Amino acid sequence: MSTLLLSAFSAHAATSAGSNPAPMNGIWQLSSFNDASAPAVGLRPSGQLMIVSGTVRGNAACARFQGTLTAARNEVRIQAEQLPPPANVRCAFTVRGSLGTALNEVRQYTLTNKHLVLFSDKVRLTFDRIGYVTPARK
């Protein structure tokens, strides 16, 4: 009985400390970006997302972002901040409204071996897996 309680406590502590299910770790390519609050104007930039043990980082065109991710039971919370571009880079997609900003709005996810969908009532982001990441052991 105590082993079961300890296991449950450890799983809860890992989830509440900012982690994600192991299958979510990986490198993901943005394949679809639907934002109900934004008008459909032209093409969105391509983007990538890397998730490793509760951290998230990525890019959309030349805009970059990083932050934390907590996920359990198909609920997800992402706190991503856009990073300033390098001094010698001018980029139209570094304005607010990028992939990094959209990630902060998602509240749920679905996950398969090949696809990750992050969504809320405002935004839906679909990613295809393009690589795997093995977290470092502490």
Protein backbone atom coordinates (compact mmCIF):
# COMPACT_ATOMS: atom_id res chain seq x y z
CA MET A 1 0.00 0.00 0.00
CA SER A 2 2.77 2.48 0.91
CA THR A 3 4.56 1.69 -2.35
CA LEU A 4 1.40 2.51 -4.28
CA LEU A 5 0.99 5.82 -2.44
CA LEU A 6 4.64 6.70 -2.98
CA SER A 7 4.29 5.96 -6.71
CA ALA A 8 1.17 8.09 -6.96
CA PHE A 9 2.86 10.93 -5.06
CA SER A 10 5.97 10.75 -7.26
CA ALA A 11 3.88 10.84 -10.43
CA HIS A 12 1.88 13.82 -9.13
CA ALA A 13 5.01 15.67 -8.02
CA ALA A 14 6.64 15.17 -11.41
CA THR A 15 3.53 16.44 -13.19
CA SER A 16 3.06 19.48 -10.97
CA ALA A 17 6.76 20.41 -11.16
CA GLY A 18 6.53 21.16 -14.88
CA SER A 19 6.83 18.02 -16.92
CA ASN A 20 5.20 16.26 -19.79
CA PRO A 21 4.41 12.69 -20.80
CA ALA A 22 7.55 11.03 -22.22
CA PRO A 23 5.99 10.44 -25.68
CA MET A 24 5.56 14.21 -26.01
CA ASN A 25 9.37 14.69 -25.93
CA GLY A 26 10.59 15.28 -29.44
CA ILE A 27 11.02 17.62 -32.35
CA TRP A 28 7.78 18.65 -34.01
CA GLN A 29 7.17 20.43 -37.35
CA LEU A 30 4.15 22.74 -37.55
CA SER A 31 1.80 21.46 -40.25
CA SER A 32 -1.36 23.46 -39.48
CA PHE A 33 -2.05 26.72 -37.61
CA ASN A 34 -5.70 27.75 -37.15
CA ASP A 35 -6.44 30.86 -35.10
CA ALA A 36 -10.14 31.75 -34.79
CA SER A 37 -9.39 35.25 -33.49
CA ALA A 38 -7.16 36.26 -36.42
CA PRO A 39 -8.31 36.96 -39.96
CA ALA A 40 -7.09 34.53 -42.59
CA VAL A 41 -4.41 36.54 -44.36
CA GLY A 42 -1.86 34.75 -46.50
CA LEU A 43 0.39 31.98 -45.34
CA ARG A 44 1.64 31.55 -41.79
CA PRO A 45 5.34 30.96 -41.24
CA SER A 46 6.60 27.43 -40.92
CA GLY A 47 7.62 26.52 -37.41
CA GLN A 48 9.24 23.91 -35.24
CA LEU A 49 8.79 22.95 -31.62
CA MET A 50 11.15 20.98 -29.36
CA ILE A 51 9.77 19.51 -26.14
CA VAL A 52 12.10 18.01 -23.54
CA SER A 53 11.15 17.23 -19.93
CA GLY A 54 8.87 20.19 -19.26
CA THR A 55 10.69 22.72 -21.42
CA VAL A 56 9.65 23.98 -24.82
CA ARG A 57 11.54 25.98 -27.40
CA GLY A 58 11.16 26.61 -31.06
CA ASN A 59 10.88 28.99 -33.93
CA ALA A 60 8.47 30.31 -36.51
CA ALA A 61 10.35 31.67 -39.51
CA CYS A 62 13.06 33.77 -37.82
CA ALA A 63 11.13 34.38 -34.58
CA ARG A 64 12.33 32.28 -31.63
CA PHE A 65 10.68 31.40 -28.29
CA GLN A 66 11.26 29.29 -25.20
CA GLY A 67 9.39 28.42 -22.04
CA THR A 68 7.89 25.70 -19.88
CA LEU A 69 5.28 23.05 -20.50
CA THR A 70 3.15 21.06 -18.07
CA ALA A 71 0.91 18.32 -19.44
CA ALA A 72 -1.18 15.53 -17.96
CA ARG A 73 -4.48 13.86 -18.79
CA ASN A 74 -4.82 15.70 -22.11
CA GLU A 75 -4.55 19.11 -20.43
CA VAL A 76 -1.56 21.31 -21.19
CA ARG A 77 -0.21 24.65 -20.00
CA ILE A 78 2.56 26.38 -21.90
CA GLN A 79 4.30 29.56 -20.84
CA ALA A 80 6.45 30.64 -23.77
CA GLU A 81 8.24 33.93 -24.19
CA GLN A 82 9.43 35.29 -27.46
CA LEU A 83 13.18 35.80 -27.59
CA PRO A 84 14.62 38.95 -29.13
CA PRO A 85 16.06 38.42 -32.61
CA PRO A 86 19.81 38.63 -33.10
CA ALA A 87 20.97 42.20 -33.74
CA ASN A 88 21.63 41.58 -37.43
CA VAL A 89 18.24 39.93 -38.19
CA ARG A 90 15.15 41.74 -39.41
CA CYS A 91 12.05 39.57 -39.42
CA ALA A 92 8.39 40.32 -40.12
CA PHE A 93 7.34 37.39 -37.92
CA THR A 94 8.97 38.67 -34.71
CA VAL A 95 5.83 40.67 -33.91
CA ARG A 96 3.28 39.40 -31.39
CA GLY A 97 0.91 36.82 -32.76
CA SER A 98 3.59 34.30 -33.62
CA LEU A 99 3.63 30.60 -32.86
CA GLY A 100 5.15 31.33 -29.44
CA THR A 101 2.21 33.55 -28.53
CA ALA A 102 -0.33 31.01 -29.83
CA LEU A 103 1.23 28.30 -27.67
CA ASN A 104 0.32 30.28 -24.55
CA GLU A 105 -3.36 29.99 -25.47
CA VAL A 106 -3.58 26.20 -25.82
CA ARG A 107 -5.21 24.25 -23.00
CA GLN A 108 -5.59 20.70 -24.32
CA TYR A 109 -3.67 18.24 -26.46
CA THR A 110 -3.94 14.96 -28.31
CA LEU A 111 -0.89 12.87 -29.06
CA THR A 112 -0.02 9.93 -31.30
CA ASN A 113 3.36 8.58 -32.39
CA LYS A 114 3.37 10.89 -35.41
CA HIS A 115 1.13 13.85 -34.52
CA LEU A 116 0.69 16.37 -31.71
CA VAL A 117 -2.35 18.65 -31.69
CA LEU A 118 -2.45 21.56 -29.22
CA PHE A 119 -5.74 23.43 -29.02
CA SER A 120 -8.16 25.69 -27.18
CA ASP A 121 -11.41 27.34 -28.20
CA LYS A 122 -9.32 30.00 -30.02
CA VAL A 123 -6.41 28.19 -31.60
CA ARG A 124 -5.48 24.77 -33.03
CA LEU A 125 -1.87 23.84 -33.78
CA THR A 126 -1.05 20.56 -35.50
CA PHE A 127 2.51 19.22 -35.52
CA ASP A 128 4.16 16.26 -37.24
CA ARG A 129 6.98 14.44 -35.45
CA ILE A 130 10.30 14.90 -37.26
CA GLY A 131 12.65 13.70 -34.52
CA TYR A 132 13.05 12.19 -31.08
CA VAL A 133 14.75 13.61 -28.01
CA THR A 134 16.17 11.63 -25.11
CA PRO A 135 16.21 13.74 -21.93
CA ALA A 136 19.47 13.82 -19.97
CA ARG A 137 19.48 11.87 -16.73
CA LYS A 138 20.13 13.83 -13.57
